[in-house]
Amino acid sequence: MSYPPAKVFVNGKDAGTTPYKNTSLAPGETEIRLETGDATWTKKIKLKSNISTVIDWELNKNEEKSGGYVLYMEKTGDSEKAGLMVTSVPDKAAIAIDEEIKGYAPIRLSDIGEGEKQISLSFPGYKTIDIFAKATKGYQLIIEAELKSGEEIAPEPTLTISIEPTKTLIKKVMIKPTETGWLKVRAEPSSAGAEMARVNPGEEYEFIEEKTGWYNIKLKDGKTGWISAKYAEIL
C-alpha cells in the first residue's frame, strides 16, 4: 500500500499499482520499488513461504517527508508466546503497545500477548506511525519502520467568508486503503474500544470531531463512532 497511489515494480518489472497484492511470489530476496510522478522508494525484502509481508509507505519528493513500514512474521519455536521485534529510522523511537510504552527501538519483546494490537512508533519532531496487527503464539511480528519528519504548519491566511446563517459547513472524512481491505469503527477513541461497524476504503463520512490519533465520524445509520486517523483523510 502507498499514499499517494504508486506504480509497483518487483525485481525491476512493472507489476501494477497500489494497493497491490501478490500471493504467487517465490521465497527469497526480492526488490520492491514504488514510483509516483516525483518520488521513488526501493527496498530489498526477504520473502518467506506461507508468510505475508506488508509494505505501507507514504512517498514524497522530499525524502525527509517520506516514511512507512515493512511488516512480516517469523517463527520463534515458542508456541506459548507471541513476540515483537522493531527497528526504526531514526533510532531510539519510542514503542507503545495499546498506548503503553514498552521501550525504544531497536527492541525485541519475547511476549506481547496474543490478539490484535495497536503498535505505535514515535520520535520528537517526526510523525507517529500507528500499526494495527495481530500477534500469534509461536511467531514474532517484525517491523522495520522509517518515520517521516513532522510537517511544517504554514500560518493560516486571514480570510473573510460570508456564510448564509441557515447553512452549515460539513466536513467529510475519506477512508484510505488498509491492510485488511476494511477499517474498524470503534465505540471509543482507542484500539480497546468495542467494534461497532466496519467501513471500506474510498467511502466518505461526516466528520464530527478529532482526538489524538482518532476521528469521530457519523455512519450512514446515524450512529457515530471512532476510526484511526492513520487510515482516513479529512476532505
C-alpha atoms as a PDB file:
ATOM      1  CA  MET A   1       0.000   0.000   0.000  1.00  0.00           C
ATOM      2  CA  SER A   2       1.124   3.548  -0.565  1.00  0.00           C
ATOM      3  CA  TYR A   3      -0.026   7.125  -0.331  1.00  0.00           C
ATOM      4  CA  PRO A   4      -0.363   8.567  -2.887  1.00  0.00           C
ATOM      5  CA  PRO A   5      -1.022   5.540  -5.156  1.00  0.00           C
ATOM      6  CA  ALA A   6       2.173   4.371  -6.870  1.00  0.00           C
ATOM      7  CA  LYS A   7       3.445   2.021  -9.566  1.00  0.00           C
ATOM      8  CA  VAL A   8       4.844  -1.238  -8.180  1.00  0.00           C
ATOM      9  CA  PHE A   9       7.973  -2.856  -9.617  1.00  0.00           C
ATOM     10  CA  VAL A  10       9.010  -6.353  -8.469  1.00  0.00           C
ATOM     11  CA  ASN A  11      12.645  -7.157  -9.284  1.00  0.00           C
ATOM     12  CA  GLY A  12      12.590  -4.343 -11.848  1.00  0.00           C
ATOM     13  CA  LYS A  13       9.417  -5.478 -13.617  1.00  0.00           C
ATOM     14  CA  ASP A  14       6.223  -3.425 -13.708  1.00  0.00           C
ATOM     15  CA  ALA A  15       3.726  -5.377 -11.567  1.00  0.00           C
ATOM     16  CA  GLY A  16       0.791  -2.967 -11.222  1.00  0.00           C
ATOM     17  CA  THR A  17      -0.248  -0.137  -8.920  1.00  0.00           C
ATOM     18  CA  THR A  18      -1.050   0.208  -5.228  1.00  0.00           C
ATOM     19  CA  PRO A  19      -2.995  -1.105  -3.462  1.00  0.00           C
ATOM     20  CA  TYR A  20      -1.212  -4.212  -4.754  1.00  0.00           C
ATOM     21  CA  LYS A  21      -1.277  -7.835  -3.590  1.00  0.00           C
ATOM     22  CA  ASN A  22       0.600 -10.844  -4.972  1.00  0.00           C
ATOM     23  CA  THR A  23       0.361 -14.349  -3.456  1.00  0.00           C
ATOM     24  CA  SER A  24       2.479 -16.146  -6.064  1.00  0.00           C
ATOM     25  CA  LEU A  25       5.965 -14.696  -5.493  1.00  0.00           C
ATOM     26  CA  ALA A  26       8.782 -17.146  -4.784  1.00  0.00           C
ATOM     27  CA  PRO A  27      10.562 -17.164  -1.411  1.00  0.00           C
ATOM     28  CA  GLY A  28      13.884 -15.341  -1.245  1.00  0.00           C
ATOM     29  CA  GLU A  29      15.288 -11.840  -1.640  1.00  0.00           C
ATOM     30  CA  THR A  30      13.028  -9.624  -3.718  1.00  0.00           C
ATOM     31  CA  GLU A  31      13.443  -5.974  -4.716  1.00  0.00           C
ATOM     32  CA  ILE A  32      10.317  -3.838  -4.386  1.00  0.00           C
ATOM     33  CA  ARG A  33      10.183  -0.350  -5.904  1.00  0.00           C
ATOM     34  CA  LEU A  34       7.360   2.170  -5.623  1.00  0.00           C
ATOM     35  CA  GLU A  35       7.184   5.140  -8.001  1.00  0.00           C
ATOM     36  CA  THR A  36       4.946   8.180  -8.219  1.00  0.00           C
ATOM     37  CA  GLY A  37       5.377  11.134 -10.542  1.00  0.00           C
ATOM     38  CA  ASP A  38       8.139  12.693  -8.445  1.00  0.00           C
ATOM     39  CA  ALA A  39       9.077  10.198  -5.713  1.00  0.00           C
ATOM     40  CA  THR A  40      10.651   6.727  -5.571  1.00  0.00           C
ATOM     41  CA  TRP A  41      11.166   4.185  -2.779  1.00  0.00           C
ATOM     42  CA  THR A  42      13.173   0.937  -3.137  1.00  0.00           C
ATOM     43  CA  LYS A  43      13.904  -1.872  -0.695  1.00  0.00           C
ATOM     44  CA  LYS A  44      15.108  -5.460  -0.872  1.00  0.00           C
ATOM     45  CA  ILE A  45      12.975  -7.738   1.295  1.00  0.00           C
ATOM     46  CA  LYS A  46      13.313 -11.425   2.089  1.00  0.00           C
ATOM     47  CA  LEU A  47      10.070 -13.291   1.375  1.00  0.00           C
ATOM     48  CA  LYS A  48       9.303 -16.486   3.297  1.00  0.00           C
ATOM     49  CA  SER A  49       6.979 -19.373   2.472  1.00  0.00           C
ATOM     50  CA  ASN A  50       3.444 -19.070   3.892  1.00  0.00           C
ATOM     51  CA  ILE A  51       4.198 -15.642   5.402  1.00  0.00           C
ATOM     52  CA  SER A  52       2.653 -12.393   4.174  1.00  0.00           C
ATOM     53  CA  THR A  53       4.818  -9.271   4.015  1.00  0.00           C
ATOM     54  CA  VAL A  54       3.048  -5.907   4.261  1.00  0.00           C
ATOM     55  CA  ILE A  55       4.510  -2.661   2.925  1.00  0.00           C
ATOM     56  CA  ASP A  56       2.776   0.600   3.827  1.00  0.00           C
ATOM     57  CA  TRP A  57       4.606   3.715   2.603  1.00  0.00           C
ATOM     58  CA  GLU A  58       3.934   7.426   2.202  1.00  0.00           C
ATOM     59  CA  LEU A  59       6.007   8.877  -0.636  1.00  0.00           C
ATOM     60  CA  ASN A  60       7.216  12.440  -1.068  1.00  0.00           C
ATOM     61  CA  LYS A  61       9.834  14.013  -3.351  1.00  0.00           C
ATOM     62  CA  ASN A  62      11.404  15.318  -0.128  1.00  0.00           C
ATOM     63  CA  GLU A  63      12.890  12.133   1.386  1.00  0.00           C
ATOM     64  CA  GLU A  64      12.621  13.562   4.913  1.00  0.00           C
ATOM     65  CA  LYS A  65       8.857  13.670   4.455  1.00  0.00           C
ATOM     66  CA  SER A  66       8.672  10.063   3.215  1.00  0.00           C
ATOM     67  CA  GLY A  67       8.168   7.187   5.604  1.00  0.00           C
ATOM     68  CA  GLY A  68       6.365   3.976   6.399  1.00  0.00           C
ATOM     69  CA  TYR A  69       6.967   0.404   7.452  1.00  0.00           C
ATOM     70  CA  VAL A  70       7.536  -3.175   6.368  1.00  0.00           C
ATOM     71  CA  LEU A  71       5.736  -5.800   8.466  1.00  0.00           C
ATOM     72  CA  TYR A  72       6.100  -9.573   8.456  1.00  0.00           C
ATOM     73  CA  MET A  73       6.248 -12.553  10.832  1.00  0.00           C
ATOM     74  CA  GLU A  74       8.720 -15.302  11.583  1.00  0.00           C
ATOM     75  CA  LYS A  75       8.523 -18.492  13.632  1.00  0.00           C
ATOM     76  CA  THR A  76      10.132 -18.425  17.082  1.00  0.00           C
ATOM     77  CA  GLY A  77       9.763 -22.048  18.172  1.00  0.00           C
ATOM     78  CA  ASP A  78       7.958 -20.943  21.365  1.00  0.00           C
ATOM     79  CA  SER A  79       4.326 -21.964  20.989  1.00  0.00           C
ATOM     80  CA  GLU A  80       3.358 -20.211  24.233  1.00  0.00           C
ATOM     81  CA  LYS A  81       4.488 -16.689  23.341  1.00  0.00           C
ATOM     82  CA  ALA A  82       3.739 -14.043  20.705  1.00  0.00           C
ATOM     83  CA  GLY A  83       6.759 -11.798  20.212  1.00  0.00           C
ATOM     84  CA  LEU A  84       7.633  -8.469  18.599  1.00  0.00           C
ATOM     85  CA  MET A  85      10.835  -7.020  17.115  1.00  0.00           C
ATOM     86  CA  VAL A  86      11.057  -3.396  15.943  1.00  0.00           C
ATOM     87  CA  THR A  87      13.786  -1.366  14.240  1.00  0.00           C
ATOM     88  CA  SER A  88      13.380   2.286  13.331  1.00  0.00           C
ATOM     89  CA  VAL A  89      14.911   5.215  11.492  1.00  0.00           C
ATOM     90  CA  PRO A  90      15.702   7.385  13.354  1.00  0.00           C
ATOM     91  CA  ASP A  91      16.979   5.078  16.071  1.00  0.00           C
ATOM     92  CA  LYS A  92      15.517   5.156  19.599  1.00  0.00           C
ATOM     93  CA  ALA A  93      11.887   5.667  18.541  1.00  0.00           C
ATOM     94  CA  ALA A  94       9.511   5.043  21.451  1.00  0.00           C
ATOM     95  CA  ILE A  95       7.491   1.829  21.073  1.00  0.00           C
ATOM     96  CA  ALA A  96       3.995   1.667  22.565  1.00  0.00           C
ATOM     97  CA  ILE A  97       1.601  -1.279  22.501  1.00  0.00           C
ATOM     98  CA  ASP A  98      -2.051  -0.387  23.037  1.00  0.00           C
ATOM     99  CA  GLU A  99      -0.884   3.073  24.194  1.00  0.00           C
ATOM    100  CA  GLU A 100       1.564   1.710  26.814  1.00  0.00           C
ATOM    101  CA  ILE A 101       5.271   2.496  26.282  1.00  0.00           C
ATOM    102  CA  LYS A 102       7.329  -0.716  26.176  1.00  0.00           C
ATOM    103  CA  GLY A 103      10.782   0.651  25.305  1.00  0.00           C
ATOM    104  CA  TYR A 104      12.831   2.129  22.466  1.00  0.00           C
ATOM    105  CA  ALA A 105      13.883   0.757  19.074  1.00  0.00           C
ATOM    106  CA  PRO A 106      15.705  -1.398  18.297  1.00  0.00           C
ATOM    107  CA  ILE A 107      13.752  -3.652  20.648  1.00  0.00           C
ATOM    108  CA  ARG A 108      12.759  -7.293  20.939  1.00  0.00           C
ATOM    109  CA  LEU A 109       9.891  -8.340  23.215  1.00  0.00           C
ATOM    110  CA  SER A 110       9.560 -12.078  23.724  1.00  0.00           C
ATOM    111  CA  ASP A 111       5.835 -11.931  24.548  1.00  0.00           C
ATOM    112  CA  ILE A 112       3.274  -9.188  23.904  1.00  0.00           C
ATOM    113  CA  GLY A 113       0.238 -11.434  24.257  1.00  0.00           C
ATOM    114  CA  GLU A 114      -1.861 -12.955  21.516  1.00  0.00           C
ATOM    115  CA  GLY A 115      -4.511 -10.984  19.614  1.00  0.00           C
ATOM    116  CA  GLU A 116      -4.993  -7.658  17.846  1.00  0.00           C
ATOM    117  CA  LYS A 117      -2.535  -4.949  18.867  1.00  0.00           C
ATOM    118  CA  GLN A 118      -2.042  -1.253  18.166  1.00  0.00           C
ATOM    119  CA  ILE A 119       1.705  -0.685  17.849  1.00  0.00           C
ATOM    120  CA  SER A 120       2.846   2.956  17.796  1.00  0.00           C
ATOM    121  CA  LEU A 121       6.301   4.349  16.965  1.00  0.00           C
ATOM    122  CA  SER A 122       7.068   7.951  17.907  1.00  0.00           C
ATOM    123  CA  PHE A 123      10.049  10.274  17.989  1.00  0.00           C
ATOM    124  CA  PRO A 124      10.229  14.043  18.700  1.00  0.00           C
ATOM    125  CA  GLY A 125       9.865  16.057  15.501  1.00  0.00           C
ATOM    126  CA  TYR A 126       8.590  13.068  13.486  1.00  0.00           C
ATOM    127  CA  LYS A 127       5.115  11.852  12.582  1.00  0.00           C
ATOM    128  CA  THR A 128       3.926   8.905  14.690  1.00  0.00           C
ATOM    129  CA  ILE A 129       3.352   5.593  12.911  1.00  0.00           C
ATOM    130  CA  ASP A 130       0.383   3.512  14.119  1.00  0.00           C
ATOM    131  CA  ILE A 131       0.216  -0.130  13.061  1.00  0.00           C
ATOM    132  CA  PHE A 132      -2.689  -2.481  13.716  1.00  0.00           C
ATOM    133  CA  ALA A 133      -1.569  -6.113  13.643  1.00  0.00           C
ATOM    134  CA  LYS A 134      -2.482  -9.489  15.092  1.00  0.00           C
ATOM    135  CA  ALA A 135       0.079 -11.200  17.333  1.00  0.00           C
ATOM    136  CA  THR A 136       0.135 -15.014  17.135  1.00  0.00           C
ATOM    137  CA  LYS A 137       1.714 -17.519  19.520  1.00  0.00           C
ATOM    138  CA  GLY A 138       4.714 -19.270  18.026  1.00  0.00           C
ATOM    139  CA  TYR A 139       5.622 -16.226  15.909  1.00  0.00           C
ATOM    140  CA  GLN A 140       7.099 -12.774  16.346  1.00  0.00           C
ATOM    141  CA  LEU A 141       5.960  -9.712  14.451  1.00  0.00           C
ATOM    142  CA  ILE A 142       8.840  -7.869  12.809  1.00  0.00           C
ATOM    143  CA  ILE A 143       8.502  -4.165  11.982  1.00  0.00           C
ATOM    144  CA  GLU A 144      11.103  -2.203  10.016  1.00  0.00           C
ATOM    145  CA  ALA A 145       9.995   1.430  10.096  1.00  0.00           C
ATOM    146  CA  GLU A 146      11.153   4.810   8.841  1.00  0.00           C
ATOM    147  CA  LEU A 147       9.442   7.803  10.417  1.00  0.00           C
ATOM    148  CA  LYS A 148       8.927  10.919   8.347  1.00  0.00           C
ATOM    149  CA  SER A 149       9.807  14.348   9.691  1.00  0.00           C
ATOM    150  CA  GLY A 150       6.998  16.421  11.157  1.00  0.00           C
ATOM    151  CA  GLU A 151       5.117  18.510   8.666  1.00  0.00           C
ATOM    152  CA  GLU A 152       5.540  22.261   8.836  1.00  0.00           C
ATOM    153  CA  ILE A 153       2.346  24.141   9.599  1.00  0.00           C
ATOM    154  CA  ALA A 154       2.020  27.226   7.460  1.00  0.00           C
ATOM    155  CA  PRO A 155       0.357  30.290   9.008  1.00  0.00           C
ATOM    156  CA  GLU A 156      -3.303  30.497   8.120  1.00  0.00           C
ATOM    157  CA  PRO A 157      -4.196  33.489   5.947  1.00  0.00           C
ATOM    158  CA  THR A 158      -6.824  35.889   7.156  1.00  0.00           C
ATOM    159  CA  LEU A 159      -9.953  35.413   5.080  1.00  0.00           C
ATOM    160  CA  THR A 160     -13.360  36.987   5.106  1.00  0.00           C
ATOM    161  CA  ILE A 161     -16.004  34.377   4.362  1.00  0.00           C
ATOM    162  CA  SER A 162     -19.692  35.077   4.030  1.00  0.00           C
ATOM    163  CA  ILE A 163     -21.910  32.166   5.019  1.00  0.00           C
ATOM    164  CA  GLU A 164     -25.662  32.159   4.991  1.00  0.00           C
ATOM    165  CA  PRO A 165     -26.954  31.818   8.573  1.00  0.00           C
ATOM    166  CA  THR A 166     -29.164  28.881   7.642  1.00  0.00           C
ATOM    167  CA  LYS A 167     -26.327  26.804   6.144  1.00  0.00           C
ATOM    168  CA  THR A 168     -23.665  24.746   7.974  1.00  0.00           C
ATOM    169  CA  LEU A 169     -20.338  23.679   6.511  1.00  0.00           C
ATOM    170  CA  ILE A 170     -19.949  19.906   6.887  1.00  0.00           C
ATOM    171  CA  LYS A 171     -16.511  18.309   6.799  1.00  0.00           C
ATOM    172  CA  LYS A 172     -16.115  14.884   5.255  1.00  0.00           C
ATOM    173  CA  VAL A 173     -13.669  12.084   6.008  1.00  0.00           C
ATOM    174  CA  MET A 174     -12.492   9.664   3.293  1.00  0.00           C
ATOM    175  CA  ILE A 175     -11.273   6.180   4.227  1.00  0.00           C
ATOM    176  CA  LYS A 176      -7.758   5.317   2.948  1.00  0.00           C
ATOM    177  CA  PRO A 177      -6.539   1.836   1.890  1.00  0.00           C
ATOM    178  CA  THR A 178      -5.891  -0.581   4.802  1.00  0.00           C
ATOM    179  CA  GLU A 179      -4.021  -3.865   5.249  1.00  0.00           C
ATOM    180  CA  THR A 180      -7.313  -5.770   5.595  1.00  0.00           C
ATOM    181  CA  GLY A 181      -9.412  -4.021   2.952  1.00  0.00           C
ATOM    182  CA  TRP A 182     -11.681  -2.549   5.641  1.00  0.00           C
ATOM    183  CA  LEU A 183     -11.419  -0.410   8.761  1.00  0.00           C
ATOM    184  CA  LYS A 184     -12.991  -0.984  12.172  1.00  0.00           C
ATOM    185  CA  VAL A 185     -15.264   1.651  13.689  1.00  0.00           C
ATOM    186  CA  ARG A 186     -14.933   1.635  17.464  1.00  0.00           C
ATOM    187  CA  ALA A 187     -17.203   2.920  20.235  1.00  0.00           C
ATOM    188  CA  GLU A 188     -14.281   4.736  21.908  1.00  0.00           C
ATOM    189  CA  PRO A 189     -11.135   6.509  20.537  1.00  0.00           C
ATOM    190  CA  SER A 190      -8.925   3.566  21.457  1.00  0.00           C
ATOM    191  CA  SER A 191      -7.892   0.246  19.930  1.00  0.00           C
ATOM    192  CA  ALA A 192      -9.501  -1.312  23.014  1.00  0.00           C
ATOM    193  CA  GLY A 193     -12.879   0.207  22.141  1.00  0.00           C
ATOM    194  CA  ALA A 194     -15.633  -2.195  21.108  1.00  0.00           C
ATOM    195  CA  GLU A 195     -16.066  -2.719  17.370  1.00  0.00           C
ATOM    196  CA  MET A 196     -19.420  -1.329  16.239  1.00  0.00           C
ATOM    197  CA  ALA A 197     -19.081  -1.349  12.436  1.00  0.00           C
ATOM    198  CA  ARG A 198     -16.660  -1.596   9.500  1.00  0.00           C
ATOM    199  CA  VAL A 199     -16.095   0.899   6.692  1.00  0.00           C
ATOM    200  CA  ASN A 200     -14.368   0.475   3.347  1.00  0.00           C
ATOM    201  CA  PRO A 201     -11.559   2.378   1.542  1.00  0.00           C
ATOM    202  CA  GLY A 202     -12.871   5.167  -0.688  1.00  0.00           C
ATOM    203  CA  GLU A 203     -16.060   5.732   1.332  1.00  0.00           C
ATOM    204  CA  GLU A 204     -16.812   9.180   2.764  1.00  0.00           C
ATOM    205  CA  TYR A 205     -18.460  10.008   6.097  1.00  0.00           C
ATOM    206  CA  GLU A 206     -19.387  13.154   8.004  1.00  0.00           C
ATOM    207  CA  PHE A 207     -16.579  14.327  10.320  1.00  0.00           C
ATOM    208  CA  ILE A 208     -17.694  15.098  13.907  1.00  0.00           C
ATOM    209  CA  GLU A 209     -14.525  15.695  15.965  1.00  0.00           C
ATOM    210  CA  GLU A 210     -10.903  14.651  16.461  1.00  0.00           C
ATOM    211  CA  LYS A 211      -8.959  13.227  19.375  1.00  0.00           C
ATOM    212  CA  THR A 212      -5.274  12.323  19.248  1.00  0.00           C
ATOM    213  CA  GLY A 213      -4.916   9.713  16.500  1.00  0.00           C
ATOM    214  CA  TRP A 214      -8.688   9.207  16.072  1.00  0.00           C
ATOM    215  CA  TYR A 215     -11.588  10.721  14.086  1.00  0.00           C
ATOM    216  CA  ASN A 216     -15.217  10.618  15.188  1.00  0.00           C
ATOM    217  CA  ILE A 217     -17.499  10.042  12.179  1.00  0.00           C
ATOM    218  CA  LYS A 218     -21.224   9.766  11.530  1.00  0.00           C
ATOM    219  CA  LEU A 219     -22.239   6.479   9.931  1.00  0.00           C
ATOM    220  CA  LYS A 220     -24.977   6.034   7.363  1.00  0.00           C
ATOM    221  CA  ASP A 221     -27.403   4.750  10.010  1.00  0.00           C
ATOM    222  CA  GLY A 222     -26.933   7.962  12.024  1.00  0.00           C
ATOM    223  CA  LYS A 223     -24.712   6.423  14.713  1.00  0.00           C
ATOM    224  CA  THR A 224     -21.278   7.869  15.480  1.00  0.00           C
ATOM    225  CA  GLY A 225     -18.019   6.004  16.094  1.00  0.00           C
ATOM    226  CA  TRP A 226     -14.237   6.361  16.072  1.00  0.00           C
ATOM    227  CA  ILE A 227     -11.707   5.377  13.382  1.00  0.00           C
ATOM    228  CA  SER A 228      -7.901   5.535  13.325  1.00  0.00           C
ATOM    229  CA  ALA A 229      -6.749   8.837  11.787  1.00  0.00           C
ATOM    230  CA  LYS A 230      -3.897   6.969  10.049  1.00  0.00           C
ATOM    231  CA  TYR A 231      -6.381   5.364   7.672  1.00  0.00           C
ATOM    232  CA  ALA A 232      -8.536   8.443   6.967  1.00  0.00           C
ATOM    233  CA  GLU A 233      -8.223  11.860   5.353  1.00  0.00           C
ATOM    234  CA  ILE A 234     -10.274  14.959   6.135  1.00  0.00           C
ATOM    235  CA  LEU A 235     -11.569  16.452   2.871  1.00  0.00           C
END
